[in-house]
């Protein structure tokens, strides 16, 4: 079965800085329900919720809020056109 790349081919990951701590990550909002985030060492060190740890964690609520607001403002585009913005908790 071939890999479905429809949502990943259309939009590259874009830099986005967290409004709380300024940690800059790469983000792609493929749909209202799916968000990809790529961290680098500097972002990990700056993130107030990660505490500089590279250990597994559930996610950064502040960054999630920043991504949600960026999607609503159109700073980060929804690859699938998503209609009326991200789903709650996106």
N, C-alpha and C. Protein backbone atom coordinates (compact mmCIF):
# COMPACT_ATOMS: atom_id res chain seq x y z
N UNK A 1 0.84 -1.18 0.00
CA UNK A 1 0.00 0.00 0.00
C UNK A 1 0.89 1.24 0.00
N UNK A 2 0.69 2.16 -0.92
CA UNK A 2 1.52 3.36 -0.99
C UNK A 2 1.23 4.31 0.18
N UNK A 3 2.25 5.06 0.56
CA UNK A 3 2.13 6.03 1.63
C UNK A 3 1.29 7.22 1.15
N UNK A 4 0.36 7.69 1.98
CA UNK A 4 -0.49 8.83 1.66
C UNK A 4 0.21 10.11 2.10
N UNK A 5 0.73 10.88 1.14
CA UNK A 5 1.45 12.12 1.44
C UNK A 5 0.64 13.37 1.13
N UNK A 6 -0.66 13.25 0.92
CA UNK A 6 -1.45 14.41 0.51
C UNK A 6 -1.30 15.59 1.47
N UNK A 7 -1.32 15.36 2.76
CA UNK A 7 -1.27 16.46 3.71
C UNK A 7 0.14 16.95 3.98
N UNK A 8 1.15 16.12 3.78
CA UNK A 8 2.52 16.56 4.07
C UNK A 8 3.19 17.21 2.88
N UNK A 9 2.72 16.98 1.67
CA UNK A 9 3.34 17.56 0.49
C UNK A 9 2.99 19.03 0.31
N UNK A 10 1.87 19.47 0.79
CA UNK A 10 1.36 20.80 0.47
C UNK A 10 1.99 21.94 1.27
N UNK A 11 2.43 21.69 2.47
CA UNK A 11 2.93 22.80 3.29
C UNK A 11 4.15 22.38 4.09
N UNK A 12 5.18 23.19 4.04
CA UNK A 12 6.37 22.89 4.84
C UNK A 12 6.12 23.26 6.30
N UNK A 13 6.98 22.78 7.16
CA UNK A 13 6.91 23.19 8.56
C UNK A 13 7.36 24.65 8.62
N UNK A 14 6.72 25.43 9.49
CA UNK A 14 7.01 26.85 9.62
C UNK A 14 7.50 27.14 11.03
N UNK A 15 8.44 28.08 11.19
CA UNK A 15 8.90 28.45 12.53
C UNK A 15 7.81 29.21 13.28
N UNK A 16 7.71 28.92 14.56
CA UNK A 16 6.74 29.60 15.42
C UNK A 16 7.33 29.68 16.82
N UNK A 17 7.29 30.85 17.42
CA UNK A 17 7.82 31.06 18.77
C UNK A 17 6.68 31.05 19.78
N UNK A 18 6.86 30.33 20.86
CA UNK A 18 5.89 30.27 21.94
C UNK A 18 5.70 31.67 22.53
N UNK A 19 4.47 32.05 22.75
CA UNK A 19 4.18 33.37 23.30
C UNK A 19 4.58 33.48 24.77
N UNK A 20 4.77 32.37 25.46
CA UNK A 20 5.16 32.41 26.87
C UNK A 20 6.66 32.52 27.06
N UNK A 21 7.43 31.65 26.38
CA UNK A 21 8.86 31.58 26.67
C UNK A 21 9.76 31.85 25.46
N UNK A 22 9.17 32.09 24.31
CA UNK A 22 9.88 32.40 23.06
C UNK A 22 10.65 31.21 22.48
N UNK A 23 10.43 30.00 22.98
CA UNK A 23 11.04 28.82 22.37
C UNK A 23 10.51 28.70 20.95
N UNK A 24 11.42 28.64 19.97
CA UNK A 24 10.99 28.56 18.58
C UNK A 24 11.08 27.13 18.08
N UNK A 25 9.97 26.62 17.58
CA UNK A 25 9.87 25.27 17.04
C UNK A 25 9.41 25.36 15.59
N UNK A 26 9.42 24.23 14.90
CA UNK A 26 8.84 24.16 13.56
C UNK A 26 7.48 23.50 13.70
N UNK A 27 6.48 24.05 13.00
CA UNK A 27 5.09 23.60 13.14
C UNK A 27 4.46 23.42 11.77
N UNK A 28 3.64 22.38 11.65
CA UNK A 28 2.75 22.21 10.50
C UNK A 28 1.41 21.78 11.05
N UNK A 29 0.37 22.48 10.65
CA UNK A 29 -1.00 22.17 11.07
C UNK A 29 -1.66 21.49 9.88
N UNK A 30 -1.60 20.16 9.85
CA UNK A 30 -2.11 19.41 8.71
C UNK A 30 -3.63 19.40 8.63
N UNK A 31 -4.27 19.47 9.79
CA UNK A 31 -5.73 19.52 9.84
C UNK A 31 -6.13 20.08 11.20
N UNK A 32 -7.41 20.23 11.42
CA UNK A 32 -7.87 20.72 12.72
C UNK A 32 -7.45 19.77 13.83
N UNK A 33 -7.34 18.49 13.53
CA UNK A 33 -7.03 17.49 14.55
C UNK A 33 -5.55 17.12 14.62
N UNK A 34 -4.74 17.50 13.63
CA UNK A 34 -3.36 17.01 13.59
C UNK A 34 -2.37 18.16 13.47
N UNK A 35 -1.42 18.17 14.39
CA UNK A 35 -0.36 19.18 14.41
C UNK A 35 0.98 18.47 14.56
N UNK A 36 1.95 18.86 13.74
CA UNK A 36 3.31 18.33 13.86
C UNK A 36 4.19 19.43 14.43
N UNK A 37 5.01 19.07 15.42
CA UNK A 37 5.92 20.02 16.04
C UNK A 37 7.31 19.38 16.07
N UNK A 38 8.29 20.12 15.60
CA UNK A 38 9.67 19.65 15.65
C UNK A 38 10.46 20.57 16.57
N UNK A 39 11.01 19.97 17.62
CA UNK A 39 11.80 20.70 18.60
C UNK A 39 13.27 20.62 18.24
N UNK A 40 14.04 21.64 18.63
CA UNK A 40 15.49 21.58 18.54
C UNK A 40 16.03 21.80 19.96
N UNK A 41 17.33 21.66 20.14
CA UNK A 41 17.93 21.77 21.46
C UNK A 41 17.68 23.11 22.13
N UNK A 42 17.76 24.19 21.37
CA UNK A 42 17.53 25.53 21.93
C UNK A 42 16.09 25.67 22.42
N UNK A 43 15.13 25.19 21.65
CA UNK A 43 13.72 25.27 22.06
C UNK A 43 13.48 24.46 23.33
N UNK A 44 14.07 23.28 23.41
CA UNK A 44 13.94 22.44 24.61
C UNK A 44 14.48 23.19 25.82
N UNK A 45 15.63 23.83 25.67
CA UNK A 45 16.24 24.54 26.78
C UNK A 45 15.42 25.75 27.22
N UNK A 46 14.75 26.42 26.28
CA UNK A 46 13.96 27.61 26.61
C UNK A 46 12.57 27.31 27.14
N UNK A 47 12.01 26.17 26.78
CA UNK A 47 10.61 25.87 27.13
C UNK A 47 10.40 25.84 28.64
N UNK A 48 9.49 26.68 29.10
CA UNK A 48 9.19 26.77 30.53
C UNK A 48 8.56 25.49 31.06
N UNK A 49 7.81 24.78 30.24
CA UNK A 49 7.13 23.57 30.70
C UNK A 49 7.99 22.32 30.58
N UNK A 50 8.93 22.31 29.65
CA UNK A 50 9.83 21.16 29.52
C UNK A 50 10.96 21.24 30.54
N UNK A 51 11.27 22.43 31.00
CA UNK A 51 12.32 22.60 31.98
C UNK A 51 13.70 22.20 31.49
N UNK A 52 13.94 22.32 30.19
CA UNK A 52 15.24 21.99 29.64
C UNK A 52 15.49 20.50 29.47
N UNK A 53 14.50 19.69 29.78
CA UNK A 53 14.67 18.24 29.71
C UNK A 53 14.32 17.70 28.33
N UNK A 54 15.11 16.76 27.87
CA UNK A 54 14.84 16.08 26.62
C UNK A 54 13.98 14.83 26.84
N UNK A 55 13.60 14.58 28.09
CA UNK A 55 12.81 13.41 28.43
C UNK A 55 11.40 13.52 27.82
N UNK A 56 10.74 12.39 27.67
CA UNK A 56 9.38 12.37 27.14
C UNK A 56 8.46 13.20 28.04
N UNK A 57 7.54 13.91 27.40
CA UNK A 57 6.57 14.70 28.16
C UNK A 57 5.27 14.75 27.38
N UNK A 58 4.19 15.14 28.04
CA UNK A 58 2.86 15.11 27.42
C UNK A 58 2.62 16.25 26.44
N UNK A 59 3.41 17.29 26.53
CA UNK A 59 3.23 18.42 25.63
C UNK A 59 3.24 19.72 26.40
N UNK A 60 3.45 20.79 25.71
CA UNK A 60 3.52 22.11 26.31
C UNK A 60 2.19 22.83 26.07
N UNK A 61 1.48 23.10 27.14
CA UNK A 61 0.20 23.78 27.04
C UNK A 61 0.33 25.18 26.47
N UNK A 62 1.40 25.88 26.84
CA UNK A 62 1.61 27.24 26.33
C UNK A 62 1.86 27.22 24.83
N UNK A 63 2.67 26.27 24.37
CA UNK A 63 2.92 26.16 22.94
C UNK A 63 1.64 25.74 22.21
N UNK A 64 0.89 24.83 22.78
CA UNK A 64 -0.39 24.42 22.18
C UNK A 64 -1.30 25.64 22.00
N UNK A 65 -1.38 26.51 23.01
CA UNK A 65 -2.20 27.72 22.91
C UNK A 65 -1.67 28.65 21.83
N UNK A 66 -0.34 28.79 21.74
CA UNK A 66 0.27 29.64 20.71
C UNK A 66 -0.07 29.11 19.32
N UNK A 67 0.01 27.80 19.13
CA UNK A 67 -0.30 27.20 17.83
C UNK A 67 -1.77 27.41 17.49
N UNK A 68 -2.65 27.20 18.46
CA UNK A 68 -4.09 27.38 18.24
C UNK A 68 -4.36 28.82 17.79
N UNK A 69 -3.79 29.80 18.49
CA UNK A 69 -3.99 31.21 18.13
C UNK A 69 -3.41 31.52 16.75
N UNK A 70 -2.23 30.98 16.45
CA UNK A 70 -1.61 31.20 15.14
C UNK A 70 -2.49 30.64 14.02
N UNK A 71 -3.09 29.49 14.25
CA UNK A 71 -3.99 28.89 13.25
C UNK A 71 -5.24 29.75 13.07
N UNK A 72 -5.79 30.26 14.17
CA UNK A 72 -6.98 31.10 14.09
C UNK A 72 -6.69 32.41 13.36
N UNK A 73 -5.49 32.97 13.58
CA UNK A 73 -5.10 34.23 12.92
C UNK A 73 -4.65 34.02 11.48
N UNK A 74 -4.36 32.76 11.11
CA UNK A 74 -3.88 32.47 9.77
C UNK A 74 -2.37 32.54 9.64
N UNK A 75 -1.64 32.72 10.76
CA UNK A 75 -0.18 32.73 10.74
C UNK A 75 0.35 31.36 10.35
N UNK A 76 -0.29 30.32 10.83
CA UNK A 76 0.00 28.94 10.46
C UNK A 76 -1.23 28.44 9.70
N UNK A 77 -1.03 28.09 8.44
CA UNK A 77 -2.14 27.64 7.61
C UNK A 77 -2.51 26.20 7.90
N UNK A 78 -3.79 25.89 7.76
CA UNK A 78 -4.24 24.50 7.83
C UNK A 78 -4.08 23.91 6.44
N UNK A 79 -3.32 22.83 6.34
CA UNK A 79 -3.05 22.21 5.04
C UNK A 79 -4.33 21.76 4.36
N UNK A 80 -5.27 21.20 5.11
CA UNK A 80 -6.50 20.69 4.49
C UNK A 80 -7.57 21.77 4.32
N UNK A 81 -7.27 23.02 4.61
CA UNK A 81 -8.24 24.08 4.46
C UNK A 81 -9.14 24.22 5.65
N UNK A 82 -9.21 23.22 6.48
CA UNK A 82 -9.84 23.11 7.78
C UNK A 82 -11.08 23.88 8.11
N UNK A 83 -11.61 24.71 7.28
CA UNK A 83 -12.85 25.39 7.62
C UNK A 83 -12.70 26.45 8.67
N UNK A 84 -13.30 26.23 9.84
CA UNK A 84 -13.42 27.28 10.84
C UNK A 84 -12.40 27.20 11.96
N UNK A 85 -11.17 26.80 11.66
CA UNK A 85 -10.12 26.83 12.66
C UNK A 85 -9.93 25.50 13.35
N UNK A 86 -8.97 25.44 14.25
CA UNK A 86 -8.63 24.18 14.90
C UNK A 86 -9.68 23.74 15.91
N UNK A 87 -9.75 22.46 16.10
CA UNK A 87 -10.65 21.89 17.09
C UNK A 87 -10.16 22.28 18.48
N UNK A 88 -11.05 22.32 19.47
CA UNK A 88 -10.61 22.61 20.83
C UNK A 88 -9.48 21.69 21.24
N UNK A 89 -8.46 22.26 21.87
CA UNK A 89 -7.33 21.47 22.33
C UNK A 89 -6.32 21.13 21.25
N UNK A 90 -6.49 21.70 20.06
CA UNK A 90 -5.60 21.38 18.94
C UNK A 90 -4.22 21.92 19.15
